[in-house]
N, C-alpha and C. Protein backbone atom coordinates (compact mmCIF):
# COMPACT_ATOMS: atom_id res chain seq x y z
N MET A 1 -78.94 -52.55 -116.82
CA MET A 1 -78.97 -53.36 -115.86
C MET A 1 -78.00 -53.16 -115.26
N ILE A 2 -77.69 -53.86 -113.66
CA ILE A 2 -76.35 -53.83 -112.55
C ILE A 2 -76.29 -55.42 -112.55
N GLU A 3 -75.17 -55.60 -113.14
CA GLU A 3 -74.55 -57.06 -112.79
C GLU A 3 -73.98 -57.26 -111.51
N SER A 4 -74.12 -58.54 -111.25
CA SER A 4 -74.24 -58.79 -109.83
C SER A 4 -72.62 -58.99 -109.41
N VAL A 5 -71.46 -58.63 -108.51
CA VAL A 5 -70.57 -58.88 -108.20
C VAL A 5 -70.33 -59.47 -107.05
N GLU A 6 -69.36 -60.91 -107.21
CA GLU A 6 -69.36 -61.24 -105.78
C GLU A 6 -67.86 -60.43 -104.98
N ALA A 7 -68.20 -60.17 -103.75
CA ALA A 7 -67.10 -59.32 -102.66
C ALA A 7 -66.47 -60.52 -102.28
N VAL A 8 -65.20 -60.52 -102.40
CA VAL A 8 -64.33 -61.55 -101.61
C VAL A 8 -63.13 -60.56 -101.27
N TRP A 9 -63.16 -61.01 -99.85
CA TRP A 9 -61.90 -60.37 -99.31
C TRP A 9 -61.05 -61.28 -98.53
N PRO A 10 -59.92 -61.38 -98.60
CA PRO A 10 -58.87 -60.30 -98.82
C PRO A 10 -58.84 -60.51 -100.32
N ILE A 11 -58.07 -59.68 -101.12
CA ILE A 11 -58.39 -59.84 -102.30
C ILE A 11 -57.28 -61.02 -102.76
N PRO A 12 -58.26 -61.79 -103.81
CA PRO A 12 -57.35 -63.00 -104.04
C PRO A 12 -55.96 -62.53 -104.92
N GLY A 13 -54.85 -63.20 -104.82
CA GLY A 13 -53.71 -62.75 -105.36
C GLY A 13 -52.47 -62.59 -104.76
N THR A 14 -51.75 -62.20 -105.04
CA THR A 14 -50.49 -61.98 -104.55
C THR A 14 -50.62 -60.79 -103.19
N ALA A 15 -49.23 -61.41 -102.31
CA ALA A 15 -49.07 -60.19 -101.42
C ALA A 15 -49.02 -58.96 -101.72
N THR A 16 -48.56 -58.37 -102.83
CA THR A 16 -48.45 -57.34 -103.28
C THR A 16 -50.07 -56.06 -103.50
N HIS A 17 -50.90 -57.41 -103.26
CA HIS A 17 -52.06 -56.50 -103.33
C HIS A 17 -52.80 -56.06 -101.83
N LEU A 18 -51.72 -56.20 -100.84
CA LEU A 18 -52.22 -55.73 -99.23
C LEU A 18 -51.42 -54.62 -99.52
N LEU A 19 -51.72 -53.25 -99.62
CA LEU A 19 -51.27 -52.20 -99.38
C LEU A 19 -50.97 -51.49 -98.27
N LEU A 20 -51.84 -51.78 -97.24
CA LEU A 20 -51.89 -51.26 -95.62
C LEU A 20 -52.54 -52.17 -94.65
N ASP A 21 -51.68 -52.47 -93.99
CA ASP A 21 -52.33 -53.50 -92.79
C ASP A 21 -51.64 -52.74 -91.63
N ALA A 22 -52.40 -52.50 -90.85
CA ALA A 22 -52.21 -51.46 -89.69
C ALA A 22 -53.06 -51.61 -88.36
N ALA A 23 -52.81 -51.44 -87.43
CA ALA A 23 -53.54 -51.13 -86.33
C ALA A 23 -53.02 -49.93 -85.63
N PHE A 24 -54.07 -49.17 -85.04
CA PHE A 24 -53.54 -47.65 -84.25
C PHE A 24 -54.20 -48.21 -83.11
N ASP A 25 -53.37 -47.65 -82.29
CA ASP A 25 -54.46 -47.52 -80.73
C ASP A 25 -55.04 -46.43 -80.17
N GLY A 26 -55.99 -46.75 -79.00
CA GLY A 26 -56.95 -45.55 -78.78
C GLY A 26 -57.94 -45.61 -79.61
N ASP A 27 -59.62 -45.44 -78.85
CA ASP A 27 -60.61 -45.22 -79.76
C ASP A 27 -60.53 -44.65 -80.76
N PRO A 28 -61.57 -45.04 -82.13
CA PRO A 28 -61.65 -44.08 -83.17
C PRO A 28 -62.45 -43.17 -82.85
N ILE A 29 -62.55 -42.29 -83.48
CA ILE A 29 -63.17 -40.69 -83.34
C ILE A 29 -64.48 -41.06 -84.69
N ALA A 30 -65.33 -40.74 -84.60
CA ALA A 30 -66.33 -40.64 -85.40
C ALA A 30 -66.25 -38.86 -86.05
N HIS A 31 -66.61 -38.86 -87.11
CA HIS A 31 -66.50 -37.82 -88.21
C HIS A 31 -67.79 -37.06 -87.50
N GLU A 32 -67.31 -35.93 -86.77
CA GLU A 32 -68.28 -34.72 -86.35
C GLU A 32 -68.88 -34.07 -87.72
N ARG A 33 -70.32 -33.90 -87.61
CA ARG A 33 -70.66 -32.66 -88.66
C ARG A 33 -70.45 -31.42 -88.43
N PRO A 34 -69.75 -30.66 -89.61
CA PRO A 34 -69.95 -29.28 -89.42
C PRO A 34 -70.57 -28.21 -89.01
N ARG A 35 -69.66 -27.66 -88.38
CA ARG A 35 -70.20 -26.54 -87.58
C ARG A 35 -70.18 -25.21 -88.10
N MET A 36 -71.01 -24.30 -87.73
CA MET A 36 -71.07 -22.77 -88.36
C MET A 36 -71.16 -21.86 -87.32
N THR A 37 -70.20 -20.68 -88.00
CA THR A 37 -70.19 -19.48 -86.78
C THR A 37 -71.11 -18.75 -86.99
N LYS A 38 -71.59 -17.79 -86.19
CA LYS A 38 -72.03 -16.61 -86.34
C LYS A 38 -72.50 -15.61 -87.66
N ALA A 39 -70.77 -15.96 -88.13
CA ALA A 39 -70.50 -15.04 -89.28
C ALA A 39 -71.27 -15.80 -90.38
N GLY A 40 -71.30 -17.02 -90.65
CA GLY A 40 -71.61 -17.77 -91.84
C GLY A 40 -70.74 -18.97 -91.88
N HIS A 41 -69.30 -18.83 -91.00
CA HIS A 41 -68.10 -19.89 -92.31
C HIS A 41 -68.48 -21.02 -91.51
N VAL A 42 -68.11 -22.11 -92.47
CA VAL A 42 -68.13 -23.50 -92.12
C VAL A 42 -66.89 -23.75 -91.57
N TYR A 43 -66.85 -24.27 -90.68
CA TYR A 43 -66.10 -25.65 -90.17
C TYR A 43 -66.18 -26.86 -89.16
N THR A 44 -64.60 -27.54 -89.48
CA THR A 44 -64.86 -29.04 -88.62
C THR A 44 -64.56 -28.72 -87.59
N PRO A 45 -65.13 -29.46 -87.00
CA PRO A 45 -64.42 -29.29 -85.26
C PRO A 45 -63.21 -30.14 -84.90
N GLN A 46 -62.36 -28.97 -84.12
CA GLN A 46 -61.23 -29.14 -83.64
C GLN A 46 -60.89 -30.70 -83.64
N ARG A 47 -61.45 -31.32 -82.87
CA ARG A 47 -61.17 -33.02 -82.13
C ARG A 47 -61.11 -33.61 -83.76
N THR A 48 -62.12 -33.36 -84.37
CA THR A 48 -62.02 -34.43 -85.80
C THR A 48 -60.90 -34.29 -86.55
N ALA A 49 -60.70 -32.95 -86.76
CA ALA A 49 -60.13 -32.34 -87.61
C ALA A 49 -58.55 -32.87 -87.21
N THR A 50 -58.11 -32.83 -86.16
CA THR A 50 -56.63 -33.43 -85.32
C THR A 50 -56.50 -35.05 -85.59
N TYR A 51 -57.98 -35.51 -85.13
CA TYR A 51 -57.69 -36.77 -85.13
C TYR A 51 -57.39 -37.21 -87.15
N LYS A 52 -58.51 -36.86 -87.74
CA LYS A 52 -58.04 -36.85 -89.25
C LYS A 52 -56.76 -36.99 -89.54
N GLU A 53 -56.29 -35.51 -89.08
CA GLU A 53 -54.51 -35.70 -89.47
C GLU A 53 -53.89 -36.76 -88.77
N TRP A 54 -54.02 -36.89 -87.73
CA TRP A 54 -52.97 -37.80 -87.34
C TRP A 54 -53.23 -39.24 -87.97
N LEU A 55 -54.15 -39.48 -88.03
CA LEU A 55 -54.85 -40.90 -88.62
C LEU A 55 -53.79 -40.59 -90.12
N MET A 56 -54.33 -39.34 -90.74
CA MET A 56 -53.51 -39.59 -92.22
C MET A 56 -51.95 -40.18 -92.22
N TRP A 57 -51.58 -39.19 -91.11
CA TRP A 57 -49.73 -39.64 -91.41
C TRP A 57 -49.86 -40.85 -90.73
N MET A 58 -50.64 -41.70 -90.01
CA MET A 58 -50.39 -42.95 -89.41
C MET A 58 -50.63 -43.82 -90.45
N ILE A 59 -51.40 -43.45 -91.54
CA ILE A 59 -51.29 -44.64 -92.43
C ILE A 59 -50.32 -44.09 -93.89
N TYR A 60 -49.87 -42.83 -93.66
CA TYR A 60 -48.38 -42.61 -94.63
C TYR A 60 -47.48 -43.18 -94.06
N ALA A 61 -47.32 -43.41 -93.02
CA ALA A 61 -46.02 -43.88 -92.09
C ALA A 61 -46.04 -45.49 -92.87
N ASN A 62 -47.41 -45.92 -92.50
CA ASN A 62 -47.83 -47.32 -92.54
C ASN A 62 -47.22 -47.88 -94.32
N ARG A 63 -47.86 -47.46 -95.22
CA ARG A 63 -48.06 -48.09 -96.24
C ARG A 63 -47.06 -48.21 -96.68
N LYS A 64 -47.48 -49.42 -97.68
CA LYS A 64 -46.27 -49.85 -98.81
C LYS A 64 -46.31 -48.70 -99.76
N ASP A 65 -44.66 -48.88 -100.52
CA ASP A 65 -44.02 -48.47 -101.58
C ASP A 65 -44.94 -48.88 -102.86
N TYR A 66 -46.35 -48.17 -103.51
CA TYR A 66 -47.03 -48.59 -104.59
C TYR A 66 -46.91 -47.22 -105.20
N ILE A 67 -47.17 -47.66 -106.41
CA ILE A 67 -47.22 -46.05 -107.24
C ILE A 67 -48.66 -46.76 -108.12
N TRP A 68 -49.32 -45.53 -107.62
CA TRP A 68 -51.07 -45.62 -108.60
C TRP A 68 -51.05 -45.57 -110.01
N LYS A 69 -51.35 -46.18 -110.74
CA LYS A 69 -51.82 -46.20 -112.27
C LYS A 69 -53.23 -46.02 -112.36
N LYS A 70 -53.31 -45.38 -113.36
CA LYS A 70 -54.70 -44.75 -113.91
C LYS A 70 -55.50 -46.21 -113.84
N GLY A 71 -56.78 -46.38 -112.98
CA GLY A 71 -57.26 -47.59 -113.48
C GLY A 71 -57.52 -48.64 -112.70
N ASP A 72 -56.47 -48.31 -111.23
CA ASP A 72 -56.65 -49.52 -110.61
C ASP A 72 -57.92 -49.36 -109.63
N VAL A 73 -58.15 -50.47 -108.85
CA VAL A 73 -59.04 -50.68 -108.21
C VAL A 73 -58.58 -50.96 -106.55
N PHE A 74 -59.32 -50.52 -105.69
CA PHE A 74 -58.97 -51.01 -104.42
C PHE A 74 -60.10 -50.80 -103.74
N GLY A 75 -59.94 -51.77 -102.21
CA GLY A 75 -61.22 -51.53 -101.20
C GLY A 75 -60.44 -51.55 -99.94
N VAL A 76 -61.36 -51.09 -98.84
CA VAL A 76 -61.21 -50.86 -97.87
C VAL A 76 -61.67 -51.27 -96.85
N GLN A 77 -61.11 -52.31 -95.69
CA GLN A 77 -61.64 -53.23 -94.89
C GLN A 77 -61.05 -52.81 -93.19
N ALA A 78 -62.13 -52.35 -92.75
CA ALA A 78 -61.78 -51.44 -91.12
C ALA A 78 -62.30 -51.92 -90.20
N LEU A 79 -61.60 -52.92 -88.97
CA LEU A 79 -62.72 -52.75 -87.91
C LEU A 79 -62.53 -51.98 -86.98
N PHE A 80 -63.57 -51.68 -86.07
CA PHE A 80 -63.10 -50.51 -84.80
C PHE A 80 -63.33 -51.46 -83.81
N PHE A 81 -62.88 -50.96 -82.90
CA PHE A 81 -62.73 -51.34 -81.12
C PHE A 81 -63.14 -50.44 -80.42
N ARG A 82 -64.12 -49.97 -79.07
CA ARG A 82 -64.20 -49.12 -78.58
C ARG A 82 -63.57 -49.64 -77.17
N SER A 83 -63.22 -48.64 -76.02
CA SER A 83 -62.84 -49.54 -74.65
C SER A 83 -64.38 -49.28 -74.33
N ASN A 84 -65.45 -48.69 -74.93
CA ASN A 84 -66.76 -48.68 -73.91
C ASN A 84 -68.20 -49.13 -74.79
N ARG A 85 -69.02 -49.30 -74.60
CA ARG A 85 -70.42 -49.74 -75.56
C ARG A 85 -71.45 -48.53 -75.85
N GLN A 86 -70.55 -47.32 -75.82
CA GLN A 86 -71.49 -46.08 -75.90
C GLN A 86 -72.03 -46.64 -77.64
N ARG A 87 -72.74 -46.16 -78.18
CA ARG A 87 -72.75 -46.55 -79.47
C ARG A 87 -72.51 -45.09 -80.28
N ILE A 88 -72.54 -45.41 -81.49
CA ILE A 88 -71.68 -44.62 -82.47
C ILE A 88 -71.64 -44.98 -83.80
N ASP A 89 -72.50 -44.00 -84.85
CA ASP A 89 -72.42 -44.23 -85.91
C ASP A 89 -71.42 -44.85 -87.07
N VAL A 90 -71.12 -46.11 -87.37
CA VAL A 90 -70.25 -46.95 -87.87
C VAL A 90 -69.79 -45.70 -89.41
N ASP A 91 -70.63 -45.59 -89.84
CA ASP A 91 -70.77 -44.69 -91.18
C ASP A 91 -69.81 -43.47 -91.00
N ASN A 92 -70.10 -42.83 -89.72
CA ASN A 92 -69.01 -41.74 -89.63
C ASN A 92 -67.99 -42.07 -89.04
N LEU A 93 -67.46 -43.16 -88.38
CA LEU A 93 -66.28 -43.83 -88.41
C LEU A 93 -65.40 -44.04 -89.54
N LEU A 94 -66.16 -44.46 -90.60
CA LEU A 94 -65.56 -45.22 -91.79
C LEU A 94 -65.24 -43.69 -92.25
N LYS A 95 -65.92 -42.59 -92.81
CA LYS A 95 -65.62 -41.53 -93.19
C LYS A 95 -64.60 -41.22 -92.41
N THR A 96 -64.01 -41.19 -91.18
CA THR A 96 -62.75 -40.11 -90.86
C THR A 96 -61.80 -40.98 -91.84
N VAL A 97 -61.81 -42.32 -91.99
CA VAL A 97 -60.37 -43.60 -92.20
C VAL A 97 -60.36 -42.77 -93.57
N LEU A 98 -61.47 -42.54 -94.55
CA LEU A 98 -61.59 -42.36 -95.90
C LEU A 98 -61.11 -41.10 -96.19
N ASP A 99 -61.35 -40.21 -95.26
CA ASP A 99 -60.82 -38.58 -95.55
C ASP A 99 -59.68 -38.78 -95.43
N ALA A 100 -58.93 -39.62 -94.40
CA ALA A 100 -57.47 -39.56 -93.93
C ALA A 100 -57.03 -39.94 -95.32
N ILE A 101 -57.68 -41.36 -96.00
CA ILE A 101 -56.46 -42.21 -97.17
C ILE A 101 -56.57 -41.33 -98.04
């Protein structure tokens, strides 16, 4: 049986629970689907790989000093703002962020 859990954000408690609070300039880039060469090798498109690596370093530079312990629970809250009204799949935007984390 699945137990009902109430989602509360931000995490109740002290400010030490907040590990990262940052805003990054520019339009977010959605994770593009993997591509395949004629030889059968699968690769991530360069645009996605470059953005994901940049985002990883931005997150690393802005993180709080925290030592993870086994059993720690964390949550992610992301707000995406784009400069145009282009429709984009939000789970691919979030996938880029989660991969960078």
